[in-house]
Amino acid sequence: MKNLQKMVSAITLCVGMVAGAQAAPDTIKFSHVVAENTPKGQMALKFRDLVAERIGDKYVVEVYPNSQLFGDGKEMEALILGDIQFIAPSLSKFSKYTKQLQIYDLPFLFKDMAAVDRFQRSEAGQALLNSVQGKGLKGLGYLHNGLKQLSANDPLRVPSDADGKKFRIMSSDVLAAQFEAVDAVPLKKPFSEVFTLLQTRAIDGQENTWSNIYSKKFFEVQPYITESNHGVLDYMVTTSNEFWSGLPDADRDVLKKALDEAVAHGNQIANEKGMKDRQNIIDSGRSQVITLTDAERQQWVEVMKPVWGEFQEQIGQSLIDAAVASNQ
């Protein structure tokens, strides 16, 4: 009888150990390429905290900023392979998966971030979240960073000032065409290399938001920043179809709600941070912010707008029309 009791106790202990092992939270890796003090960085941390608060017994979110795990060129592949579960690439990075998302790279398409917001909430904008589903990816929401500015070693006031200068761009044919339109030389380079490229003057300039220009210290190695507001830099929070569909329905609902709240938090920070970082750059005295006259800005618009026609067939005229309508 004593031996039987010992066997039962041992089996109970083993079952308890197995149950305890099974109860350990699953790890969700969220990888991104920017600093933690950016809207994207703060969004990811908010998502981590909300998941811990609401479903921390099942899932733990680990956030890896600043390309700690994967850089620009590798994070999509890593997501599809299951090495990470969440990323938030810029919309420009999706051109190899769908041509429709190139719409966000068209120069001077949106007059302000309110117009971007209206388009993204529209039926057409929401449909674009599913445009990568056939490639194993699932778009879950849009995250703002802001409108892009031009920085350079020399003042940029009119398009001819960019002639022959080398600009770093994201991996986007639309952005390449945009700089070619002003006779500049576009170079597709990873975000993690931009500061060194600017510092060593291997390139002459780049385009980015106030938040990225400040947080990555580009203003310290670029004497001039032209407030052009010529394009939008937004992100799409993305997971893999395999990971997302494999979640229990109840868990998926909790994670999606936490993500929606984190994205709203990130967008609020983006709206506040843009102008604050702009002022921080001005106050630093390291870089001169150039404000274009209406006539100067119109020159940029007229030179770059033909890029729309180059990509009209790939993107779809109806989609472009919907984006233009958001400016009203």
Protein backbone atom coordinates (compact mmCIF):
# COMPACT_ATOMS: atom_id res chain seq x y z
CA MET A 1 0.00 0.00 0.00
CA LYS A 2 2.85 2.36 0.88
CA ASN A 3 4.51 1.67 -2.46
CA LEU A 4 1.24 2.40 -4.25
CA GLN A 5 0.89 5.70 -2.41
CA LYS A 6 4.45 6.63 -3.37
CA MET A 7 3.70 5.86 -7.03
CA VAL A 8 0.56 7.97 -6.96
CA SER A 9 2.45 10.86 -5.32
CA ALA A 10 5.22 10.61 -7.93
CA ILE A 11 2.75 10.56 -10.81
CA THR A 12 0.86 13.52 -9.32
CA LEU A 13 4.14 15.45 -9.00
CA CYS A 14 5.09 14.70 -12.62
CA VAL A 15 1.66 15.73 -13.87
CA GLY A 16 1.94 18.94 -11.88
CA MET A 17 5.36 19.66 -13.34
CA VAL A 18 4.12 19.08 -16.88
CA ALA A 19 1.06 21.25 -16.28
CA GLY A 20 3.30 23.97 -14.86
CA ALA A 21 5.57 23.77 -17.89
CA GLN A 22 2.62 23.99 -20.22
CA ALA A 23 1.30 27.01 -18.32
CA ALA A 24 4.45 29.05 -19.00
CA PRO A 25 3.57 32.12 -21.12
CA ASP A 26 4.30 31.99 -24.84
CA THR A 27 6.84 34.56 -26.04
CA ILE A 28 5.79 37.08 -28.68
CA LYS A 29 8.76 38.86 -30.24
CA PHE A 30 8.12 42.37 -31.55
CA SER A 31 11.06 43.56 -33.65
CA HIS A 32 11.54 47.06 -35.09
CA VAL A 33 14.33 49.23 -36.46
CA VAL A 34 13.92 52.60 -34.70
CA ALA A 35 14.63 54.01 -31.25
CA GLU A 36 12.40 53.41 -28.24
CA ASN A 37 11.64 57.12 -27.88
CA THR A 38 9.89 57.25 -31.27
CA PRO A 39 6.13 56.78 -31.82
CA LYS A 40 6.79 53.23 -33.05
CA GLY A 41 9.03 52.45 -30.09
CA GLN A 42 6.48 53.76 -27.61
CA MET A 43 3.65 51.90 -29.35
CA ALA A 44 5.52 48.60 -29.06
CA LEU A 45 6.21 49.15 -25.36
CA LYS A 46 2.56 50.04 -24.75
CA PHE A 47 1.48 46.84 -26.49
CA ARG A 48 3.89 44.87 -24.29
CA ASP A 49 2.48 46.42 -21.12
CA LEU A 50 -1.17 45.98 -22.11
CA VAL A 51 -0.62 42.30 -22.93
CA ALA A 52 1.15 41.79 -19.60
CA GLU A 53 -1.76 43.44 -17.80
CA ARG A 54 -4.55 41.56 -19.57
CA ILE A 55 -3.23 38.18 -20.60
CA GLY A 56 0.25 37.96 -19.10
CA ASP A 57 -0.31 34.45 -17.83
CA LYS A 58 -0.46 33.25 -21.45
CA TYR A 59 1.78 35.63 -23.42
CA VAL A 60 4.89 37.73 -22.82
CA VAL A 61 5.78 40.37 -25.40
CA GLU A 62 9.51 41.02 -25.87
CA VAL A 63 10.36 44.23 -27.74
CA TYR A 64 13.59 44.50 -29.75
CA PRO A 65 14.23 48.08 -31.01
CA ASN A 66 17.04 49.57 -33.11
CA SER A 67 17.44 46.52 -35.41
CA GLN A 68 18.69 44.44 -32.46
CA LEU A 69 17.29 41.27 -34.02
CA PHE A 70 16.69 42.09 -37.68
CA GLY A 71 17.30 45.09 -39.90
CA ASP A 72 15.18 46.58 -42.67
CA GLY A 73 16.00 43.92 -45.21
CA LYS A 74 15.47 40.86 -43.02
CA GLU A 75 12.48 41.48 -40.75
CA MET A 76 9.80 40.49 -43.29
CA GLU A 77 11.51 37.19 -44.00
CA ALA A 78 12.02 36.56 -40.28
CA LEU A 79 8.32 37.17 -39.67
CA ILE A 80 7.24 34.72 -42.36
CA LEU A 81 9.69 32.11 -41.02
CA GLY A 82 8.28 32.52 -37.51
CA ASP A 83 11.48 33.86 -35.92
CA ILE A 84 9.48 36.89 -34.75
CA GLN A 85 5.75 37.50 -34.44
CA PHE A 86 5.25 41.27 -34.91
CA ILE A 87 6.93 43.97 -36.95
CA ALA A 88 5.91 47.46 -38.01
CA PRO A 89 7.73 48.26 -41.26
CA SER A 90 7.27 51.49 -43.14
CA LEU A 91 4.67 51.18 -45.87
CA SER A 92 7.43 51.59 -48.46
CA LYS A 93 8.83 48.17 -47.51
CA PHE A 94 5.79 46.30 -48.84
CA SER A 95 6.30 47.06 -52.54
CA LYS A 96 7.72 43.59 -53.22
CA TYR A 97 4.55 42.05 -51.77
CA THR A 98 1.93 44.40 -53.23
CA LYS A 99 2.16 47.35 -55.61
CA GLN A 100 -0.95 49.00 -54.18
CA LEU A 101 0.77 50.17 -51.00
CA GLN A 102 3.10 52.26 -53.17
CA ILE A 103 0.34 54.86 -52.99
CA TYR A 104 1.78 56.09 -49.69
CA ASP A 105 5.08 56.97 -51.37
CA LEU A 106 3.58 59.25 -54.02
CA PRO A 107 5.00 62.76 -53.45
CA PHE A 108 2.64 65.55 -52.36
CA LEU A 109 -0.39 63.22 -52.32
CA PHE A 110 -1.67 64.16 -48.85
CA LYS A 111 -1.89 67.76 -47.69
CA ASP A 112 -1.57 66.88 -44.00
CA MET A 113 -1.78 64.00 -41.51
CA ALA A 114 -5.52 64.53 -41.03
CA ALA A 115 -5.96 63.62 -44.70
CA VAL A 116 -3.79 60.52 -44.22
CA ASP A 117 -5.98 59.55 -41.27
CA ARG A 118 -9.19 59.97 -43.27
CA PHE A 119 -7.87 57.82 -46.09
CA GLN A 120 -6.63 55.06 -43.79
CA ARG A 121 -10.00 54.87 -42.01
CA SER A 122 -11.87 54.75 -45.33
CA GLU A 123 -13.03 51.54 -46.98
CA ALA A 124 -10.19 51.79 -49.50
CA GLY A 125 -7.58 52.37 -46.81
CA GLN A 126 -8.80 49.51 -44.64
CA ALA A 127 -8.85 47.14 -47.62
CA LEU A 128 -5.13 47.82 -48.14
CA LEU A 129 -4.40 46.15 -44.79
CA ASN A 130 -5.35 42.86 -46.44
CA SER A 131 -3.38 43.47 -49.63
CA VAL A 132 -0.43 41.39 -48.37
CA GLN A 133 -2.46 38.44 -47.07
CA GLY A 134 -1.68 36.31 -50.11
CA LYS A 135 2.02 36.58 -49.22
CA GLY A 136 1.61 35.11 -45.76
CA LEU A 137 1.33 38.48 -44.01
CA LYS A 138 -1.50 40.04 -42.03
CA GLY A 139 -1.82 43.82 -41.68
CA LEU A 140 -3.36 44.77 -38.33
CA GLY A 141 -3.28 48.56 -38.31
CA TYR A 142 -1.61 51.78 -39.42
CA LEU A 143 0.83 53.68 -37.24
CA HIS A 144 1.78 57.30 -37.92
CA ASN A 145 5.20 58.82 -37.86
CA GLY A 146 4.46 62.00 -39.77
CA LEU A 147 5.25 63.95 -42.90
CA LYS A 148 8.74 63.80 -44.37
CA GLN A 149 11.27 66.59 -44.65
CA LEU A 150 14.44 66.85 -46.75
CA SER A 151 17.83 67.20 -45.09
CA ALA A 152 21.12 67.87 -46.86
CA ASN A 153 24.64 69.22 -46.59
CA ASP A 154 23.60 72.23 -48.69
CA PRO A 155 20.40 74.32 -48.65
CA LEU A 156 17.51 72.90 -50.68
CA ARG A 157 15.05 75.60 -51.70
CA VAL A 158 14.16 74.73 -55.29
CA PRO A 159 14.39 71.41 -57.18
CA SER A 160 17.56 72.40 -59.01
CA ASP A 161 19.36 72.53 -55.64
CA ALA A 162 19.08 68.72 -55.48
CA ASP A 163 20.72 68.20 -58.88
CA GLY A 164 23.40 65.49 -58.70
CA LYS A 165 23.15 65.03 -54.94
CA LYS A 166 22.94 61.54 -53.41
CA PHE A 167 19.95 60.84 -51.14
CA ARG A 168 19.33 57.75 -49.06
CA ILE A 169 15.89 56.25 -49.64
CA MET A 170 13.96 53.25 -48.42
CA SER A 171 13.60 50.32 -50.79
CA SER A 172 10.92 51.88 -53.00
CA ASP A 173 10.79 52.42 -56.75
CA VAL A 174 8.41 55.34 -56.22
CA LEU A 175 10.88 57.12 -53.94
CA ALA A 176 13.66 56.46 -56.46
CA ALA A 177 11.53 58.05 -59.20
CA GLN A 178 10.75 60.97 -56.88
CA PHE A 179 14.43 61.90 -56.52
CA GLU A 180 15.22 61.14 -60.14
CA ALA A 181 12.53 63.69 -61.03
CA VAL A 182 14.73 66.40 -59.48
CA ASP A 183 17.90 64.96 -61.08
CA ALA A 184 19.18 63.63 -57.76
CA VAL A 185 20.74 60.19 -57.16
CA PRO A 186 18.61 57.90 -54.94
CA LEU A 187 20.44 55.17 -52.99
CA LYS A 188 18.53 52.37 -51.26
CA LYS A 189 20.23 51.85 -47.90
CA PRO A 190 19.17 50.33 -44.54
CA PHE A 191 17.88 52.77 -41.92
CA SER A 192 20.53 51.58 -39.43
CA GLU A 193 23.30 52.88 -41.74
CA VAL A 194 21.92 56.37 -42.39
CA PHE A 195 23.72 58.26 -39.60
CA THR A 196 27.14 56.89 -40.60
CA LEU A 197 26.48 57.56 -44.28
CA LEU A 198 25.59 61.17 -43.46
CA GLN A 199 28.43 61.62 -41.00
CA THR A 200 31.05 60.39 -43.47
CA ARG A 201 29.37 62.32 -46.30
CA ALA A 202 29.03 59.13 -48.33
CA ILE A 203 25.60 60.59 -49.13
CA ASP A 204 24.48 64.20 -49.34
CA GLY A 205 21.07 63.94 -47.72
CA GLN A 206 17.98 61.96 -46.83
CA GLU A 207 14.24 62.28 -46.25
CA ASN A 208 12.56 61.62 -42.93
CA THR A 209 10.14 62.81 -40.29
CA TRP A 210 11.00 65.24 -37.52
CA SER A 211 10.80 62.36 -35.03
CA ASN A 212 13.36 60.20 -36.84
CA ILE A 213 15.64 63.11 -37.69
CA TYR A 214 15.79 64.05 -34.01
CA SER A 215 15.82 60.61 -32.34
CA LYS A 216 18.54 59.25 -34.65
CA LYS A 217 20.53 62.53 -34.45
CA PHE A 218 20.58 63.12 -38.20
CA PHE A 219 20.28 66.86 -37.49
CA GLU A 220 23.72 66.76 -35.87
CA VAL A 221 25.35 65.80 -39.18
CA GLN A 222 23.05 67.65 -41.61
CA PRO A 223 23.42 71.45 -41.67
CA TYR A 224 20.11 72.08 -43.45
CA ILE A 225 16.58 70.67 -43.19
CA THR A 226 13.95 71.80 -45.69
CA GLU A 227 10.42 71.72 -44.31
CA SER A 228 8.91 70.21 -47.44
CA ASN A 229 6.16 67.95 -46.02
CA HIS A 230 6.41 66.18 -49.38
CA GLY A 231 5.43 62.68 -48.32
CA VAL A 232 4.16 60.54 -45.51
CA LEU A 233 6.10 58.03 -43.43
CA ASP A 234 3.69 55.60 -41.82
CA TYR A 235 3.96 51.99 -40.77
CA MET A 236 1.80 48.90 -40.93
CA VAL A 237 1.80 46.73 -37.83
CA THR A 238 2.10 43.26 -39.30
CA THR A 239 2.07 39.64 -38.19
CA SER A 240 2.10 36.37 -40.10
CA ASN A 241 -1.04 34.58 -41.22
CA GLU A 242 0.28 31.40 -39.62
CA PHE A 243 0.82 32.94 -36.18
CA TRP A 244 -2.41 34.96 -36.19
CA SER A 245 -4.69 32.17 -37.40
CA GLY A 246 -3.10 29.74 -34.94
CA LEU A 247 -4.19 31.74 -31.91
CA PRO A 248 -7.31 30.80 -29.95
CA ASP A 249 -10.15 33.17 -30.87
CA ALA A 250 -10.40 34.65 -27.37
CA ASP A 251 -6.65 35.32 -27.19
CA ARG A 252 -6.63 36.87 -30.66
CA ASP A 253 -9.40 39.26 -29.64
CA VAL A 254 -7.48 40.37 -26.53
CA LEU A 255 -4.25 40.87 -28.49
CA LYS A 256 -6.02 42.82 -31.24
CA LYS A 257 -7.71 45.13 -28.77
CA ALA A 258 -4.41 45.72 -26.95
CA LEU A 259 -2.72 46.45 -30.28
CA ASP A 260 -5.45 48.89 -31.35
CA GLU A 261 -5.03 50.79 -28.08
CA ALA A 262 -1.23 50.75 -28.43
CA VAL A 263 -1.47 52.10 -31.99
CA ALA A 264 -3.81 54.89 -30.84
CA HIS A 265 -1.26 55.70 -28.13
CA GLY A 266 1.56 55.74 -30.69
CA ASN A 267 -0.40 57.97 -33.06
CA GLN A 268 -1.10 60.47 -30.30
CA ILE A 269 2.62 60.58 -29.50
CA ALA A 270 3.41 61.02 -33.21
CA ASN A 271 1.11 64.03 -33.45
CA GLU A 272 2.63 65.66 -30.37
CA LYS A 273 6.23 64.64 -30.97
CA GLY A 274 6.58 65.92 -34.53
CA MET A 275 6.37 69.61 -33.70
CA LYS A 276 8.21 69.17 -30.40
CA ASP A 277 11.17 67.49 -32.10
CA ARG A 278 11.12 70.13 -34.83
CA GLN A 279 11.54 72.78 -32.13
CA ASN A 280 14.23 70.72 -30.39
CA ILE A 281 16.23 70.69 -33.63
CA ILE A 282 15.84 74.45 -34.05
CA ASP A 283 16.82 75.05 -30.41
CA SER A 284 19.94 72.91 -30.81
CA GLY A 285 21.39 75.31 -33.36
CA ARG A 286 22.99 72.35 -35.14
CA SER A 287 20.81 72.49 -38.23
CA GLN A 288 19.00 75.32 -40.01
CA VAL A 289 15.34 74.67 -40.79
CA ILE A 290 14.41 76.16 -44.16
CA THR A 291 10.81 77.25 -44.63
CA LEU A 292 9.79 77.27 -48.28
CA THR A 293 7.75 80.06 -49.80
CA ASP A 294 4.54 79.02 -51.57
CA ALA A 295 6.23 79.62 -54.92
CA GLU A 296 9.28 77.51 -53.99
CA ARG A 297 7.15 74.63 -52.72
CA GLN A 298 5.04 74.73 -55.87
CA GLN A 299 8.18 74.14 -57.93
CA TRP A 300 8.79 70.88 -56.04
CA VAL A 301 5.15 69.86 -56.53
CA GLU A 302 5.24 70.49 -60.27
CA VAL A 303 8.49 68.58 -60.78
CA MET A 304 7.57 65.57 -58.64
CA LYS A 305 3.87 65.14 -59.38
CA PRO A 306 4.43 63.39 -62.76
CA VAL A 307 5.67 60.44 -60.66
CA TRP A 308 1.98 59.71 -60.00
CA GLY A 309 1.49 58.89 -63.66
CA GLU A 310 4.47 56.53 -63.73
CA PHE A 311 2.85 54.30 -61.09
CA GLN A 312 -0.83 54.87 -61.86
CA GLU A 313 -1.30 51.46 -63.49
CA GLN A 314 0.45 49.57 -60.67
CA ILE A 315 -1.43 51.32 -57.87
CA GLY A 316 -4.81 51.86 -59.54
CA GLN A 317 -6.38 55.19 -60.47
CA SER A 318 -9.43 54.58 -58.27
CA LEU A 319 -7.17 54.20 -55.24
CA ILE A 320 -5.31 57.40 -56.07
CA ASP A 321 -8.64 59.19 -56.52
CA ALA A 322 -9.77 57.97 -53.07
CA ALA A 323 -6.56 59.31 -51.52
CA VAL A 324 -6.94 62.68 -53.25
CA ALA A 325 -10.55 62.87 -52.02
CA SER A 326 -9.30 62.55 -48.42
CA ASN A 327 -7.77 66.02 -48.76
CA GLN A 328 -11.23 67.60 -48.96
